[in-house]
Amino acid sequence: MRKYISVILATFMIAGCSSIPPRQPPVCTASAMIGGQMTTVQIYDIKKINGQTKYRAGYPFNWKYVIRNNFSRSTCQ
């Protein structure tokens, strides 16, 4: 019975950590106006889709691809 419970707990722990993005250094930084304050956001990837540049932004954008127009300044090339 203990082995059964241990296997179930291990499965839940592994499944809970699967959504954490892999560690990688930021490519550049950008500034966004969030809640009336200028916030520095780390950018982890850049891609172009249909002529639009998208940044994979960290917190507070939750590592999602966001259109470049959401940022006022960036150090990205």
PDB file of N, CA and C in Angstrom:
ATOM      1  N   MET A   1       0.816  -1.195   0.000  1.00  0.00           N
ATOM      2  CA  MET A   1       0.000   0.000   0.000  1.00  0.00           C
ATOM      3  C   MET A   1       0.864   1.266   0.000  1.00  0.00           C
ATOM      4  N   ARG A   2       1.962   1.233   0.755  1.00  0.00           N
ATOM      5  CA  ARG A   2       2.838   2.404   0.802  1.00  0.00           C
ATOM      6  C   ARG A   2       3.476   2.679  -0.560  1.00  0.00           C
ATOM      7  N   LYS A   3       3.848   1.609  -1.259  1.00  0.00           N
ATOM      8  CA  LYS A   3       4.435   1.792  -2.596  1.00  0.00           C
ATOM      9  C   LYS A   3       3.425   2.438  -3.535  1.00  0.00           C
ATOM     10  N   TYR A   4       2.190   2.023  -3.426  1.00  0.00           N
ATOM     11  CA  TYR A   4       1.132   2.566  -4.270  1.00  0.00           C
ATOM     12  C   TYR A   4       0.963   4.068  -4.022  1.00  0.00           C
ATOM     13  N   ILE A   5       0.928   4.461  -2.769  1.00  0.00           N
ATOM     14  CA  ILE A   5       0.795   5.879  -2.420  1.00  0.00           C
ATOM     15  C   ILE A   5       2.029   6.654  -2.868  1.00  0.00           C
ATOM     16  N   SER A   6       3.216   6.062  -2.698  1.00  0.00           N
ATOM     17  CA  SER A   6       4.452   6.728  -3.122  1.00  0.00           C
ATOM     18  C   SER A   6       4.472   6.965  -4.624  1.00  0.00           C
ATOM     19  N   VAL A   7       4.013   5.998  -5.390  1.00  0.00           N
ATOM     20  CA  VAL A   7       3.971   6.136  -6.845  1.00  0.00           C
ATOM     21  C   VAL A   7       2.994   7.242  -7.240  1.00  0.00           C
ATOM     22  N   ILE A   8       1.862   7.299  -6.596  1.00  0.00           N
ATOM     23  CA  ILE A   8       0.874   8.338  -6.904  1.00  0.00           C
ATOM     24  C   ILE A   8       1.427   9.717  -6.561  1.00  0.00           C
ATOM     25  N   LEU A   9       2.056   9.862  -5.405  1.00  0.00           N
ATOM     26  CA  LEU A   9       2.640  11.149  -5.025  1.00  0.00           C
ATOM     27  C   LEU A   9       3.742  11.573  -5.991  1.00  0.00           C
ATOM     28  N   ALA A  10       4.594  10.641  -6.384  1.00  0.00           N
ATOM     29  CA  ALA A  10       5.668  10.961  -7.330  1.00  0.00           C
ATOM     30  C   ALA A  10       5.092  11.401  -8.670  1.00  0.00           C
ATOM     31  N   THR A  11       4.024  10.757  -9.113  1.00  0.00           N
ATOM     32  CA  THR A  11       3.385  11.125 -10.376  1.00  0.00           C
ATOM     33  C   THR A  11       2.831  12.544 -10.318  1.00  0.00           C
ATOM     34  N   PHE A  12       2.186  12.902  -9.228  1.00  0.00           N
ATOM     35  CA  PHE A  12       1.652  14.258  -9.084  1.00  0.00           C
ATOM     36  C   PHE A  12       2.767  15.296  -9.025  1.00  0.00           C
ATOM     37  N   MET A  13       3.858  14.971  -8.366  1.00  0.00           N
ATOM     38  CA  MET A  13       4.967  15.916  -8.265  1.00  0.00           C
ATOM     39  C   MET A  13       5.605  16.153  -9.631  1.00  0.00           C
ATOM     40  N   ILE A  14       5.774  15.100 -10.401  1.00  0.00           N
ATOM     41  CA  ILE A  14       6.364  15.237 -11.739  1.00  0.00           C
ATOM     42  C   ILE A  14       5.420  16.013 -12.654  1.00  0.00           C
ATOM     43  N   ALA A  15       4.141  15.719 -12.590  1.00  0.00           N
ATOM     44  CA  ALA A  15       3.165  16.416 -13.435  1.00  0.00           C
ATOM     45  C   ALA A  15       3.071  17.890 -13.060  1.00  0.00           C
ATOM     46  N   GLY A  16       3.217  18.218 -11.803  1.00  0.00           N
ATOM     47  CA  GLY A  16       3.150  19.608 -11.360  1.00  0.00           C
ATOM     48  C   GLY A  16       4.310  20.444 -11.851  1.00  0.00           C
ATOM     49  N   CYS A  17       5.469  19.835 -12.027  1.00  0.00           N
ATOM     50  CA  CYS A  17       6.657  20.567 -12.471  1.00  0.00           C
ATOM     51  C   CYS A  17       6.798  20.600 -13.989  1.00  0.00           C
ATOM     52  N   SER A  18       5.927  19.933 -14.712  1.00  0.00           N
ATOM     53  CA  SER A  18       6.088  19.856 -16.159  1.00  0.00           C
ATOM     54  C   SER A  18       5.790  21.168 -16.868  1.00  0.00           C
ATOM     55  N   SER A  19       5.043  22.069 -16.233  1.00  0.00           N
ATOM     56  CA  SER A  19       4.688  23.321 -16.898  1.00  0.00           C
ATOM     57  C   SER A  19       5.732  24.422 -16.696  1.00  0.00           C
ATOM     58  N   ILE A  20       6.773  24.156 -15.928  1.00  0.00           N
ATOM     59  CA  ILE A  20       7.815  25.149 -15.705  1.00  0.00           C
ATOM     60  C   ILE A  20       8.677  25.238 -16.963  1.00  0.00           C
ATOM     61  N   PRO A  21       8.854  26.438 -17.530  1.00  0.00           N
ATOM     62  CA  PRO A  21       9.665  26.552 -18.745  1.00  0.00           C
ATOM     63  C   PRO A  21      11.130  26.255 -18.454  1.00  0.00           C
ATOM     64  N   PRO A  22      11.852  25.716 -19.443  1.00  0.00           N
ATOM     65  CA  PRO A  22      13.267  25.413 -19.224  1.00  0.00           C
ATOM     66  C   PRO A  22      14.070  26.693 -19.008  1.00  0.00           C
ATOM     67  N   ARG A  23      15.151  26.576 -18.248  1.00  0.00           N
ATOM     68  CA  ARG A  23      15.996  27.743 -17.981  1.00  0.00           C
ATOM     69  C   ARG A  23      16.775  28.116 -19.227  1.00  0.00           C
ATOM     70  N   GLN A  24      16.731  29.369 -19.555  1.00  0.00           N
ATOM     71  CA  GLN A  24      17.537  29.905 -20.640  1.00  0.00           C
ATOM     72  C   GLN A  24      17.767  31.380 -20.347  1.00  0.00           C
ATOM     73  N   PRO A  25      18.912  31.900 -20.730  1.00  0.00           N
ATOM     74  CA  PRO A  25      19.183  33.313 -20.453  1.00  0.00           C
ATOM     75  C   PRO A  25      18.346  34.213 -21.367  1.00  0.00           C
ATOM     76  N   PRO A  26      17.979  35.402 -20.894  1.00  0.00           N
ATOM     77  CA  PRO A  26      17.213  36.321 -21.741  1.00  0.00           C
ATOM     78  C   PRO A  26      18.050  36.826 -22.910  1.00  0.00           C
ATOM     79  N   VAL A  27      17.402  37.013 -24.049  1.00  0.00           N
ATOM     80  CA  VAL A  27      18.058  37.511 -25.251  1.00  0.00           C
ATOM     81  C   VAL A  27      18.252  39.019 -25.156  1.00  0.00           C
ATOM     82  N   CYS A  28      17.252  39.715 -24.615  1.00  0.00           N
ATOM     83  CA  CYS A  28      17.297  41.167 -24.483  1.00  0.00           C
ATOM     84  C   CYS A  28      16.241  41.595 -23.470  1.00  0.00           C
ATOM     85  N   THR A  29      16.087  42.883 -23.305  1.00  0.00           N
ATOM     86  CA  THR A  29      15.059  43.408 -22.403  1.00  0.00           C
ATOM     87  C   THR A  29      14.200  44.422 -23.145  1.00  0.00           C
ATOM     88  N   ALA A  30      12.999  44.627 -22.631  1.00  0.00           N
ATOM     89  CA  ALA A  30      12.081  45.608 -23.213  1.00  0.00           C
ATOM     90  C   ALA A  30      11.319  46.289 -22.087  1.00  0.00           C
ATOM     91  N   SER A  31      10.772  47.459 -22.371  1.00  0.00           N
ATOM     92  CA  SER A  31       9.987  48.210 -21.390  1.00  0.00           C
ATOM     93  C   SER A  31       8.530  48.243 -21.824  1.00  0.00           C
ATOM     94  N   ALA A  32       7.646  48.002 -20.863  1.00  0.00           N
ATOM     95  CA  ALA A  32       6.210  48.032 -21.136  1.00  0.00           C
ATOM     96  C   ALA A  32       5.510  48.841 -20.054  1.00  0.00           C
ATOM     97  N   MET A  33       4.439  49.520 -20.428  1.00  0.00           N
ATOM     98  CA  MET A  33       3.635  50.278 -19.481  1.00  0.00           C
ATOM     99  C   MET A  33       2.568  49.333 -18.928  1.00  0.00           C
ATOM    100  N   ILE A  34       2.700  48.973 -17.655  1.00  0.00           N
ATOM    101  CA  ILE A  34       1.770  48.038 -17.024  1.00  0.00           C
ATOM    102  C   ILE A  34       1.241  48.677 -15.749  1.00  0.00           C
ATOM    103  N   GLY A  35      -0.043  48.853 -15.675  1.00  0.00           N
ATOM    104  CA  GLY A  35      -0.657  49.457 -14.501  1.00  0.00           C
ATOM    105  C   GLY A  35      -0.199  50.879 -14.252  1.00  0.00           C
ATOM    106  N   GLY A  36       0.121  51.605 -15.309  1.00  0.00           N
ATOM    107  CA  GLY A  36       0.550  52.989 -15.175  1.00  0.00           C
ATOM    108  C   GLY A  36       2.013  53.161 -14.809  1.00  0.00           C
ATOM    109  N   GLN A  37       2.751  52.047 -14.711  1.00  0.00           N
ATOM    110  CA  GLN A  37       4.174  52.119 -14.387  1.00  0.00           C
ATOM    111  C   GLN A  37       4.992  51.456 -15.479  1.00  0.00           C
ATOM    112  N   MET A  38       6.148  52.038 -15.760  1.00  0.00           N
ATOM    113  CA  MET A  38       7.052  51.453 -16.736  1.00  0.00           C
ATOM    114  C   MET A  38       7.733  50.239 -16.098  1.00  0.00           C
ATOM    115  N   THR A  39       7.635  49.104 -16.751  1.00  0.00           N
ATOM    116  CA  THR A  39       8.165  47.848 -16.227  1.00  0.00           C
ATOM    117  C   THR A  39       9.160  47.266 -17.214  1.00  0.00           C
ATOM    118  N   THR A  40      10.296  46.792 -16.717  1.00  0.00           N
ATOM    119  CA  THR A  40      11.286  46.128 -17.557  1.00  0.00           C
ATOM    120  C   THR A  40      10.933  44.649 -17.632  1.00  0.00           C
ATOM    121  N   VAL A  41      10.875  44.129 -18.851  1.00  0.00           N
ATOM    122  CA  VAL A  41      10.503  42.738 -19.094  1.00  0.00           C
ATOM    123  C   VAL A  41      11.653  42.057 -19.824  1.00  0.00           C
ATOM    124  N   GLN A  42      12.000  40.858 -19.385  1.00  0.00           N
ATOM    125  CA  GLN A  42      13.042  40.104 -20.073  1.00  0.00           C
ATOM    126  C   GLN A  42      12.434  39.352 -21.250  1.00  0.00           C
ATOM    127  N   ILE A  43      13.146  39.381 -22.379  1.00  0.00           N
ATOM    128  CA  ILE A  43      12.700  38.729 -23.609  1.00  0.00           C
ATOM    129  C   ILE A  43      13.563  37.492 -23.832  1.00  0.00           C
ATOM    130  N   TYR A  44      12.918  36.339 -24.095  1.00  0.00           N
ATOM    131  CA  TYR A  44      13.635  35.079 -24.219  1.00  0.00           C
ATOM    132  C   TYR A  44      13.713  34.550 -25.641  1.00  0.00           C
ATOM    133  N   ASP A  45      12.894  35.060 -26.547  1.00  0.00           N
ATOM    134  CA  ASP A  45      12.937  34.606 -27.941  1.00  0.00           C
ATOM    135  C   ASP A  45      12.251  35.659 -28.804  1.00  0.00           C
ATOM    136  N   ILE A  46      12.660  35.722 -30.052  1.00  0.00           N
ATOM    137  CA  ILE A  46      12.064  36.655 -31.014  1.00  0.00           C
ATOM    138  C   ILE A  46      11.716  35.863 -32.263  1.00  0.00           C
ATOM    139  N   LYS A  47      10.498  36.057 -32.780  1.00  0.00           N
ATOM    140  CA  LYS A  47      10.150  35.417 -34.048  1.00  0.00           C
ATOM    141  C   LYS A  47       9.231  36.324 -34.838  1.00  0.00           C
ATOM    142  N   LYS A  48       9.277  36.151 -36.158  1.00  0.00           N
ATOM    143  CA  LYS A  48       8.422  36.925 -37.059  1.00  0.00           C
ATOM    144  C   LYS A  48       7.383  35.996 -37.656  1.00  0.00           C
ATOM    145  N   ILE A  49       6.126  36.440 -37.568  1.00  0.00           N
ATOM    146  CA  ILE A  49       5.017  35.676 -38.130  1.00  0.00           C
ATOM    147  C   ILE A  49       4.168  36.639 -38.943  1.00  0.00           C
ATOM    148  N   ASN A  50       4.043  36.381 -40.233  1.00  0.00           N
ATOM    149  CA  ASN A  50       3.236  37.219 -41.134  1.00  0.00           C
ATOM    150  C   ASN A  50       3.585  38.696 -41.029  1.00  0.00           C
ATOM    151  N   GLY A  51       4.857  39.002 -40.966  1.00  0.00           N
ATOM    152  CA  GLY A  51       5.296  40.387 -40.920  1.00  0.00           C
ATOM    153  C   GLY A  51       5.227  41.032 -39.549  1.00  0.00           C
ATOM    154  N   GLN A  52       4.752  40.311 -38.537  1.00  0.00           N
ATOM    155  CA  GLN A  52       4.701  40.845 -37.177  1.00  0.00           C
ATOM    156  C   GLN A  52       5.827  40.238 -36.348  1.00  0.00           C
ATOM    157  N   THR A  53       6.494  41.082 -35.586  1.00  0.00           N
ATOM    158  CA  THR A  53       7.538  40.600 -34.690  1.00  0.00           C
ATOM    159  C   THR A  53       6.911  40.293 -33.343  1.00  0.00           C
ATOM    160  N   LYS A  54       7.198  39.094 -32.831  1.00  0.00           N
ATOM    161  CA  LYS A  54       6.673  38.689 -31.532  1.00  0.00           C
ATOM    162  C   LYS A  54       7.831  38.365 -30.603  1.00  0.00           C
ATOM    163  N   TYR A  55       7.690  38.786 -29.350  1.00  0.00           N
ATOM    164  CA  TYR A  55       8.683  38.525 -28.320  1.00  0.00           C
ATOM    165  C   TYR A  55       8.119  37.502 -27.341  1.00  0.00           C
ATOM    166  N   ARG A  56       8.953  36.544 -26.953  1.00  0.00           N
ATOM    167  CA  ARG A  56       8.558  35.625 -25.886  1.00  0.00           C
ATOM    168  C   ARG A  56       8.975  36.287 -24.581  1.00  0.00           C
ATOM    169  N   ALA A  57       8.018  36.900 -23.927  1.00  0.00           N
ATOM    170  CA  ALA A  57       8.279  37.742 -22.764  1.00  0.00           C
ATOM    171  C   ALA A  57       8.071  36.971 -21.469  1.00  0.00           C
ATOM    172  N   GLY A  58       8.953  37.231 -20.507  1.00  0.00           N
ATOM    173  CA  GLY A  58       8.842  36.625 -19.184  1.00  0.00           C
ATOM    174  C   GLY A  58       7.757  37.306 -18.367  1.00  0.00           C
ATOM    175  N   TYR A  59       7.948  37.297 -17.056  1.00  0.00           N
ATOM    176  CA  TYR A  59       6.977  37.929 -16.160  1.00  0.00           C
ATOM    177  C   TYR A  59       6.850  39.397 -16.519  1.00  0.00           C
ATOM    178  N   PRO A  60       5.734  39.981 -16.583  1.00  0.00           N
ATOM    179  CA  PRO A  60       4.377  39.583 -16.233  1.00  0.00           C
ATOM    180  C   PRO A  60       3.570  38.998 -17.393  1.00  0.00           C
ATOM    181  N   PHE A  61       4.216  38.660 -18.502  1.00  0.00           N
ATOM    182  CA  PHE A  61       3.504  38.111 -19.662  1.00  0.00           C
ATOM    183  C   PHE A  61       3.486  36.583 -19.667  1.00  0.00           C
ATOM    184  N   ASN A  62       4.018  35.962 -18.614  1.00  0.00           N
ATOM    185  CA  ASN A  62       3.960  34.506 -18.422  1.00  0.00           C
ATOM    186  C   ASN A  62       4.580  33.705 -19.558  1.00  0.00           C
ATOM    187  N   TRP A  63       5.684  34.162 -20.081  1.00  0.00           N
ATOM    188  CA  TRP A  63       6.473  33.459 -21.083  1.00  0.00           C
ATOM    189  C   TRP A  63       5.647  33.119 -22.324  1.00  0.00           C
ATOM    190  N   LYS A  64       4.776  34.035 -22.700  1.00  0.00           N
ATOM    191  CA  LYS A  64       3.969  33.896 -23.921  1.00  0.00           C
ATOM    192  C   LYS A  64       4.533  34.810 -25.003  1.00  0.00           C
ATOM    193  N   TYR A  65       4.216  34.503 -26.262  1.00  0.00           N
ATOM    194  CA  TYR A  65       4.625  35.372 -27.363  1.00  0.00           C
ATOM    195  C   TYR A  65       3.683  36.574 -27.418  1.00  0.00           C
ATOM    196  N   VAL A  66       4.277  37.756 -27.385  1.00  0.00           N
ATOM    197  CA  VAL A  66       3.528  39.008 -27.335  1.00  0.00           C
ATOM    198  C   VAL A  66       3.981  39.876 -28.507  1.00  0.00           C
ATOM    199  N   ILE A  67       3.058  40.574 -29.155  1.00  0.00           N
ATOM    200  CA  ILE A  67       3.390  41.448 -30.283  1.00  0.00           C
ATOM    201  C   ILE A  67       4.275  42.595 -29.808  1.00  0.00           C
ATOM    202  N   ARG A  68       5.234  42.945 -30.624  1.00  0.00           N
ATOM    203  CA  ARG A  68       6.215  43.979 -30.302  1.00  0.00           C
ATOM    204  C   ARG A  68       5.585  45.321 -29.938  1.00  0.00           C
ATOM    205  N   ASN A  69       4.407  45.609 -30.464  1.00  0.00           N
ATOM    206  CA  ASN A  69       3.744  46.896 -30.203  1.00  0.00           C
ATOM    207  C   ASN A  69       3.360  47.091 -28.739  1.00  0.00           C
ATOM    208  N   ASN A  70       3.368  46.033 -27.938  1.00  0.00           N
ATOM    209  CA  ASN A  70       3.047  46.149 -26.515  1.00  0.00           C
ATOM    210  C   ASN A  70       4.176  46.795 -25.720  1.00  0.00           C
ATOM    211  N   PHE A  71       5.342  46.970 -26.336  1.00  0.00           N
ATOM    212  CA  PHE A  71       6.505  47.509 -25.642  1.00  0.00           C
ATOM    213  C   PHE A  71       6.860  48.884 -26.194  1.00  0.00           C
ATOM    214  N   SER A  72       7.261  49.781 -25.315  1.00  0.00           N
ATOM    215  CA  SER A  72       7.622  51.133 -25.752  1.00  0.00           C
ATOM    216  C   SER A  72       9.084  51.212 -26.184  1.00  0.00           C
ATOM    217  N   ARG A  73       9.950  50.451 -25.535  1.00  0.00           N
ATOM    218  CA  ARG A  73      11.377  50.422 -25.875  1.00  0.00           C
ATOM    219  C   ARG A  73      11.891  49.002 -25.745  1.00  0.00           C
ATOM    220  N   SER A  74      12.955  48.682 -26.493  1.00  0.00           N
ATOM    221  CA  SER A  74      13.598  47.382 -26.321  1.00  0.00           C
ATOM    222  C   SER A  74      15.049  47.456 -26.767  1.00  0.00           C
ATOM    223  N   THR A  75      15.841  46.518 -26.250  1.00  0.00           N
ATOM    224  CA  THR A  75      17.239  46.399 -26.663  1.00  0.00           C
ATOM    225  C   THR A  75      17.394  45.279 -27.687  1.00  0.00           C
ATOM    226  N   CYS A  76      16.286  44.761 -28.186  1.00  0.00           N
ATOM    227  CA  CYS A  76      16.310  43.654 -29.145  1.00  0.00           C
ATOM    228  C   CYS A  76      16.655  44.162 -30.542  1.00  0.00           C
ATOM    229  N   GLN A  77      17.368  43.360 -31.275  1.00  0.00           N
ATOM    230  CA  GLN A  77      17.745  43.706 -32.651  1.00  0.00           C
ATOM    231  C   GLN A  77      16.811  43.036 -33.634  1.00  0.00           C
TER     232      GLN A  77
END
